[in-house]
């Protein structure tokens, strides 16, 4: 079976380095991926892809990226679930196993205060570090 994903998009906000209860580094972030066709109003829309990255890759990703950074993400689709208020919550995300920086930091900084996309951002997933199955 093949489970391989490659996405190119812009970060919707500055990623933050977090730690699990046992000290493993990770970051969660969302990238906006512009669709390659226009909607009925003649505008491009974007999909907002939730991603998860671990360990040294996460540390470097946080260090070298900012809101609006154009990045390439390579990884796999993962689904997981947890209970919240007695109900099962299911999450689908890309577990990023590698990344590429696709523009200079100077370019990102010069554009930092401008909106990335005009469409609405996807709702962020809320969970505590204790909910992670790792």
C-alpha atoms as a PDB file:
ATOM      1  CA  UNK A   1       0.000   0.000   0.000  1.00  0.00           C
ATOM      2  CA  UNK A   2       1.128   3.544  -0.672  1.00  0.00           C
ATOM      3  CA  UNK A   3       0.474   6.460   1.664  1.00  0.00           C
ATOM      4  CA  UNK A   4       2.620   9.323   0.394  1.00  0.00           C
ATOM      5  CA  UNK A   5       1.677  13.011   0.348  1.00  0.00           C
ATOM      6  CA  UNK A   6       3.478  16.005  -1.130  1.00  0.00           C
ATOM      7  CA  UNK A   7       1.972  19.462  -0.525  1.00  0.00           C
ATOM      8  CA  UNK A   8       3.210  22.955  -1.365  1.00  0.00           C
ATOM      9  CA  UNK A   9       1.595  25.853   0.436  1.00  0.00           C
ATOM     10  CA  UNK A  10       1.975  28.784   2.799  1.00  0.00           C
ATOM     11  CA  UNK A  11       1.985  28.607   6.580  1.00  0.00           C
ATOM     12  CA  UNK A  12      -1.145  30.159   8.062  1.00  0.00           C
ATOM     13  CA  UNK A  13       0.701  31.202  11.240  1.00  0.00           C
ATOM     14  CA  UNK A  14       4.129  30.966  12.866  1.00  0.00           C
ATOM     15  CA  UNK A  15       4.636  27.371  14.083  1.00  0.00           C
ATOM     16  CA  UNK A  16       5.523  26.774  17.734  1.00  0.00           C
ATOM     17  CA  UNK A  17       7.717  24.038  19.170  1.00  0.00           C
ATOM     18  CA  UNK A  18       5.898  21.920  21.756  1.00  0.00           C
ATOM     19  CA  UNK A  19       6.817  18.923  23.878  1.00  0.00           C
ATOM     20  CA  UNK A  20       4.948  15.743  24.771  1.00  0.00           C
ATOM     21  CA  UNK A  21       4.780  14.572  28.393  1.00  0.00           C
ATOM     22  CA  UNK A  22       7.945  12.511  27.846  1.00  0.00           C
ATOM     23  CA  UNK A  23       9.822  15.441  26.253  1.00  0.00           C
ATOM     24  CA  UNK A  24       9.516  14.597  22.549  1.00  0.00           C
ATOM     25  CA  UNK A  25       9.566  17.717  20.355  1.00  0.00           C
ATOM     26  CA  UNK A  26       6.739  18.346  17.897  1.00  0.00           C
ATOM     27  CA  UNK A  27       4.909  21.103  16.094  1.00  0.00           C
ATOM     28  CA  UNK A  28       1.453  21.331  14.577  1.00  0.00           C
ATOM     29  CA  UNK A  29       0.736  23.745  11.779  1.00  0.00           C
ATOM     30  CA  UNK A  30      -1.581  24.397   8.890  1.00  0.00           C
ATOM     31  CA  UNK A  31      -0.645  25.197   5.316  1.00  0.00           C
ATOM     32  CA  UNK A  32      -2.862  26.956   2.807  1.00  0.00           C
ATOM     33  CA  UNK A  33      -2.725  25.208  -0.554  1.00  0.00           C
ATOM     34  CA  UNK A  34      -4.210  27.210  -3.418  1.00  0.00           C
ATOM     35  CA  UNK A  35      -6.442  25.237  -5.753  1.00  0.00           C
ATOM     36  CA  UNK A  36      -5.433  25.363  -9.413  1.00  0.00           C
ATOM     37  CA  UNK A  37      -8.865  26.421 -10.663  1.00  0.00           C
ATOM     38  CA  UNK A  38     -11.163  29.388 -10.067  1.00  0.00           C
ATOM     39  CA  UNK A  39     -14.578  29.262  -8.415  1.00  0.00           C
ATOM     40  CA  UNK A  40     -17.762  30.635  -9.988  1.00  0.00           C
ATOM     41  CA  UNK A  41     -16.758  34.161  -8.872  1.00  0.00           C
ATOM     42  CA  UNK A  42     -13.453  33.902 -10.729  1.00  0.00           C
ATOM     43  CA  UNK A  43     -11.352  33.614  -7.559  1.00  0.00           C
ATOM     44  CA  UNK A  44      -8.907  30.972  -6.438  1.00  0.00           C
ATOM     45  CA  UNK A  45      -9.806  29.162  -3.223  1.00  0.00           C
ATOM     46  CA  UNK A  46      -7.468  27.379  -0.838  1.00  0.00           C
ATOM     47  CA  UNK A  47      -7.541  24.193   1.186  1.00  0.00           C
ATOM     48  CA  UNK A  48      -6.119  24.342   4.697  1.00  0.00           C
ATOM     49  CA  UNK A  49      -4.135  21.218   5.502  1.00  0.00           C
ATOM     50  CA  UNK A  50      -3.358  20.340   9.130  1.00  0.00           C
ATOM     51  CA  UNK A  51       0.130  18.907   9.632  1.00  0.00           C
ATOM     52  CA  UNK A  52       2.154  17.355  12.443  1.00  0.00           C
ATOM     53  CA  UNK A  53       5.968  17.152  12.559  1.00  0.00           C
ATOM     54  CA  UNK A  54       8.237  15.449  15.112  1.00  0.00           C
ATOM     55  CA  UNK A  55      11.678  15.710  16.722  1.00  0.00           C
ATOM     56  CA  UNK A  56      14.616  17.465  14.999  1.00  0.00           C
ATOM     57  CA  UNK A  57      12.614  18.164  11.847  1.00  0.00           C
ATOM     58  CA  UNK A  58      10.032  20.000  13.988  1.00  0.00           C
ATOM     59  CA  UNK A  59      12.745  21.998  15.741  1.00  0.00           C
ATOM     60  CA  UNK A  60      14.316  23.090  12.437  1.00  0.00           C
ATOM     61  CA  UNK A  61      10.935  23.818  10.853  1.00  0.00           C
ATOM     62  CA  UNK A  62      10.002  26.164  13.715  1.00  0.00           C
ATOM     63  CA  UNK A  63      13.417  27.817  13.595  1.00  0.00           C
ATOM     64  CA  UNK A  64      13.436  28.589   9.868  1.00  0.00           C
ATOM     65  CA  UNK A  65       9.785  29.363   9.042  1.00  0.00           C
ATOM     66  CA  UNK A  66       7.263  32.081   9.780  1.00  0.00           C
ATOM     67  CA  UNK A  67       3.679  32.945   8.906  1.00  0.00           C
ATOM     68  CA  UNK A  68       3.364  33.044   5.128  1.00  0.00           C
ATOM     69  CA  UNK A  69       6.461  30.932   4.427  1.00  0.00           C
ATOM     70  CA  UNK A  70       6.173  28.944   1.212  1.00  0.00           C
ATOM     71  CA  UNK A  71       7.032  25.358   2.134  1.00  0.00           C
ATOM     72  CA  UNK A  72       6.984  21.924   0.600  1.00  0.00           C
ATOM     73  CA  UNK A  73       5.832  19.146   2.921  1.00  0.00           C
ATOM     74  CA  UNK A  74       6.389  15.442   2.337  1.00  0.00           C
ATOM     75  CA  UNK A  75       4.793  12.813   4.525  1.00  0.00           C
ATOM     76  CA  UNK A  76       1.800  10.564   4.996  1.00  0.00           C
ATOM     77  CA  UNK A  77      -1.890  10.898   5.856  1.00  0.00           C
ATOM     78  CA  UNK A  78      -2.776   9.798   9.368  1.00  0.00           C
ATOM     79  CA  UNK A  79      -6.099   9.498  11.126  1.00  0.00           C
ATOM     80  CA  UNK A  80      -6.433   9.345  14.881  1.00  0.00           C
ATOM     81  CA  UNK A  81      -9.163   9.737  17.434  1.00  0.00           C
ATOM     82  CA  UNK A  82      -9.676  10.698  21.037  1.00  0.00           C
ATOM     83  CA  UNK A  83     -12.622  11.277  23.337  1.00  0.00           C
ATOM     84  CA  UNK A  84     -13.860  14.712  24.302  1.00  0.00           C
ATOM     85  CA  UNK A  85     -16.894  15.124  26.525  1.00  0.00           C
ATOM     86  CA  UNK A  86     -17.733  11.455  25.992  1.00  0.00           C
ATOM     87  CA  UNK A  87     -17.737  11.745  22.198  1.00  0.00           C
ATOM     88  CA  UNK A  88     -15.166  10.426  19.751  1.00  0.00           C
ATOM     89  CA  UNK A  89     -13.283  13.119  17.843  1.00  0.00           C
ATOM     90  CA  UNK A  90     -11.552  12.047  14.625  1.00  0.00           C
ATOM     91  CA  UNK A  91      -8.624  13.905  13.107  1.00  0.00           C
ATOM     92  CA  UNK A  92      -7.059  13.542   9.683  1.00  0.00           C
ATOM     93  CA  UNK A  93      -3.686  15.213   9.207  1.00  0.00           C
ATOM     94  CA  UNK A  94      -0.418  14.979   7.316  1.00  0.00           C
ATOM     95  CA  UNK A  95       2.444  13.590   9.386  1.00  0.00           C
ATOM     96  CA  UNK A  96       5.321  15.499   7.811  1.00  0.00           C
ATOM     97  CA  UNK A  97       8.488  13.455   7.490  1.00  0.00           C
ATOM     98  CA  UNK A  98      10.413  16.125   5.595  1.00  0.00           C
ATOM     99  CA  UNK A  99      10.141  19.690   4.347  1.00  0.00           C
ATOM    100  CA  UNK A 100      11.660  22.144   1.889  1.00  0.00           C
ATOM    101  CA  UNK A 101      11.915  25.910   2.274  1.00  0.00           C
ATOM    102  CA  UNK A 102      10.809  27.339  -1.071  1.00  0.00           C
ATOM    103  CA  UNK A 103      11.660  31.022  -0.605  1.00  0.00           C
ATOM    104  CA  UNK A 104      14.121  33.128   1.358  1.00  0.00           C
ATOM    105  CA  UNK A 105      13.480  34.318   4.897  1.00  0.00           C
ATOM    106  CA  UNK A 106      13.900  37.906   3.668  1.00  0.00           C
ATOM    107  CA  UNK A 107      11.007  37.453   1.233  1.00  0.00           C
ATOM    108  CA  UNK A 108       8.793  36.117   4.025  1.00  0.00           C
ATOM    109  CA  UNK A 109       9.697  38.960   6.395  1.00  0.00           C
ATOM    110  CA  UNK A 110       8.940  41.615   3.766  1.00  0.00           C
ATOM    111  CA  UNK A 111       5.450  40.167   3.286  1.00  0.00           C
ATOM    112  CA  UNK A 112       4.811  39.243   6.943  1.00  0.00           C
ATOM    113  CA  UNK A 113       1.986  41.721   7.606  1.00  0.00           C
ATOM    114  CA  UNK A 114       0.019  41.005   4.433  1.00  0.00           C
ATOM    115  CA  UNK A 115      -2.810  38.433   4.320  1.00  0.00           C
ATOM    116  CA  UNK A 116      -1.845  35.058   2.864  1.00  0.00           C
ATOM    117  CA  UNK A 117      -5.239  34.215   1.275  1.00  0.00           C
ATOM    118  CA  UNK A 118      -8.552  35.991   1.166  1.00  0.00           C
ATOM    119  CA  UNK A 119     -10.635  32.894   1.949  1.00  0.00           C
ATOM    120  CA  UNK A 120     -11.466  31.892   5.513  1.00  0.00           C
ATOM    121  CA  UNK A 121      -9.003  29.733   7.418  1.00  0.00           C
ATOM    122  CA  UNK A 122      -9.983  26.267   8.542  1.00  0.00           C
ATOM    123  CA  UNK A 123     -10.817  25.797  12.182  1.00  0.00           C
ATOM    124  CA  UNK A 124      -7.783  24.769  14.224  1.00  0.00           C
ATOM    125  CA  UNK A 125      -7.872  21.422  15.975  1.00  0.00           C
ATOM    126  CA  UNK A 126      -7.868  21.636  19.750  1.00  0.00           C
ATOM    127  CA  UNK A 127      -6.322  18.853  21.810  1.00  0.00           C
ATOM    128  CA  UNK A 128      -4.043  18.510  24.778  1.00  0.00           C
ATOM    129  CA  UNK A 129      -0.622  16.869  24.677  1.00  0.00           C
ATOM    130  CA  UNK A 130      -2.080  14.091  26.840  1.00  0.00           C
ATOM    131  CA  UNK A 131      -4.395  13.174  23.950  1.00  0.00           C
ATOM    132  CA  UNK A 132      -1.500  12.198  21.685  1.00  0.00           C
ATOM    133  CA  UNK A 133      -1.200   8.416  21.403  1.00  0.00           C
ATOM    134  CA  UNK A 134       2.614   8.539  21.433  1.00  0.00           C
END
